[in-house]
Amino acid sequence: MNINQLSEKTVGCPYCGELINVLIDTSDLQQQYIEDCQVCCKPINFIISASLEGELIVSVFSEDEAF
């Protein structure tokens, strides 16, 4: 049975600056998706990756930022 590995991370919204907690599915570390901010409801672009040491990296960008 394949169980998704979830990791909770805290990120700062690129729009309102509030810190929000998000659940990241660590079974796919090369993912990109959009999730609305829980505070201001604006769409945040998430890029999930891993460092060379295997640590989870969560990068967030606003819609108008290049990534």
C-alpha atoms as a PDB file:
ATOM      1  CA  MET A   1       0.000   0.000   0.000  1.00  0.00           C
ATOM      2  CA  ASN A   2       1.340   3.452  -0.967  1.00  0.00           C
ATOM      3  CA  ILE A   3       0.714   6.072   1.738  1.00  0.00           C
ATOM      4  CA  ASN A   4       1.365   9.719   0.926  1.00  0.00           C
ATOM      5  CA  GLN A   5       3.989  11.373   3.080  1.00  0.00           C
ATOM      6  CA  LEU A   6       2.764  14.782   4.248  1.00  0.00           C
ATOM      7  CA  SER A   7       4.973  17.428   5.809  1.00  0.00           C
ATOM      8  CA  GLU A   8       3.676  20.620   7.414  1.00  0.00           C
ATOM      9  CA  LYS A   9       5.604  23.771   6.510  1.00  0.00           C
ATOM     10  CA  THR A  10       5.123  27.426   7.400  1.00  0.00           C
ATOM     11  CA  VAL A  11       5.499  29.914   4.535  1.00  0.00           C
ATOM     12  CA  GLY A  12       5.042  33.656   4.209  1.00  0.00           C
ATOM     13  CA  CYS A  13       2.389  34.815   1.748  1.00  0.00           C
ATOM     14  CA  PRO A  14       4.085  36.880  -0.998  1.00  0.00           C
ATOM     15  CA  TYR A  15       1.039  39.211  -1.040  1.00  0.00           C
ATOM     16  CA  CYS A  16      -0.025  39.917   2.555  1.00  0.00           C
ATOM     17  CA  GLY A  17       3.069  38.641   4.409  1.00  0.00           C
ATOM     18  CA  GLU A  18       1.072  36.462   6.822  1.00  0.00           C
ATOM     19  CA  LEU A  19       2.638  33.182   7.885  1.00  0.00           C
ATOM     20  CA  ILE A  20       0.472  30.233   6.853  1.00  0.00           C
ATOM     21  CA  ASN A  21       0.811  26.504   7.482  1.00  0.00           C
ATOM     22  CA  VAL A  22       0.574  24.242   4.439  1.00  0.00           C
ATOM     23  CA  LEU A  23       0.726  20.481   4.001  1.00  0.00           C
ATOM     24  CA  ILE A  24       3.247  19.338   1.390  1.00  0.00           C
ATOM     25  CA  ASP A  25       3.067  15.919  -0.282  1.00  0.00           C
ATOM     26  CA  THR A  26       6.694  14.800  -0.094  1.00  0.00           C
ATOM     27  CA  SER A  27       6.155  11.766  -2.350  1.00  0.00           C
ATOM     28  CA  ASP A  28       6.612  14.075  -5.395  1.00  0.00           C
ATOM     29  CA  LEU A  29       9.461  16.510  -4.737  1.00  0.00           C
ATOM     30  CA  GLN A  30       9.507  18.082  -8.209  1.00  0.00           C
ATOM     31  CA  GLN A  31       6.025  19.568  -8.131  1.00  0.00           C
ATOM     32  CA  GLN A  32       4.601  22.988  -8.845  1.00  0.00           C
ATOM     33  CA  TYR A  33       1.069  24.064  -7.993  1.00  0.00           C
ATOM     34  CA  ILE A  34      -1.111  27.031  -6.992  1.00  0.00           C
ATOM     35  CA  GLU A  35      -2.880  27.313  -3.644  1.00  0.00           C
ATOM     36  CA  ASP A  36      -4.849  30.313  -2.371  1.00  0.00           C
ATOM     37  CA  CYS A  37      -3.598  32.137   0.720  1.00  0.00           C
ATOM     38  CA  GLN A  38      -5.703  31.236   3.767  1.00  0.00           C
ATOM     39  CA  VAL A  39      -5.693  34.914   4.839  1.00  0.00           C
ATOM     40  CA  CYS A  40      -5.971  37.148   1.734  1.00  0.00           C
ATOM     41  CA  CYS A  41      -7.221  34.474  -0.746  1.00  0.00           C
ATOM     42  CA  LYS A  42      -4.739  35.448  -3.470  1.00  0.00           C
ATOM     43  CA  PRO A  43      -3.157  32.623  -5.521  1.00  0.00           C
ATOM     44  CA  ILE A  44       0.330  31.582  -4.376  1.00  0.00           C
ATOM     45  CA  ASN A  45       2.632  29.645  -6.728  1.00  0.00           C
ATOM     46  CA  PHE A  46       4.384  26.821  -4.863  1.00  0.00           C
ATOM     47  CA  ILE A  47       7.514  25.055  -6.102  1.00  0.00           C
ATOM     48  CA  ILE A  48       8.530  21.987  -4.102  1.00  0.00           C
ATOM     49  CA  SER A  49      12.026  20.520  -4.341  1.00  0.00           C
ATOM     50  CA  ALA A  50      14.751  18.947  -2.216  1.00  0.00           C
ATOM     51  CA  SER A  51      18.250  20.092  -1.342  1.00  0.00           C
ATOM     52  CA  LEU A  52      21.296  17.936  -2.083  1.00  0.00           C
ATOM     53  CA  GLU A  53      21.081  16.767   1.533  1.00  0.00           C
ATOM     54  CA  GLY A  54      17.458  15.686   0.996  1.00  0.00           C
ATOM     55  CA  GLU A  55      15.831  18.512   2.940  1.00  0.00           C
ATOM     56  CA  LEU A  56      12.462  19.784   1.727  1.00  0.00           C
ATOM     57  CA  ILE A  57      12.547  23.190  -0.001  1.00  0.00           C
ATOM     58  CA  VAL A  58       9.269  25.105  -0.411  1.00  0.00           C
ATOM     59  CA  SER A  59       9.476  28.256  -2.560  1.00  0.00           C
ATOM     60  CA  VAL A  60       6.496  30.612  -2.912  1.00  0.00           C
ATOM     61  CA  PHE A  61       5.895  33.341  -5.492  1.00  0.00           C
ATOM     62  CA  SER A  62       3.111  35.754  -6.378  1.00  0.00           C
ATOM     63  CA  GLU A  63       1.429  35.482  -9.792  1.00  0.00           C
ATOM     64  CA  ASP A  64       3.507  38.328 -11.250  1.00  0.00           C
ATOM     65  CA  GLU A  65       6.898  37.074 -10.016  1.00  0.00           C
ATOM     66  CA  ALA A  66       9.095  35.106 -12.376  1.00  0.00           C
ATOM     67  CA  PHE A  67      10.351  31.806 -10.993  1.00  0.00           C
END
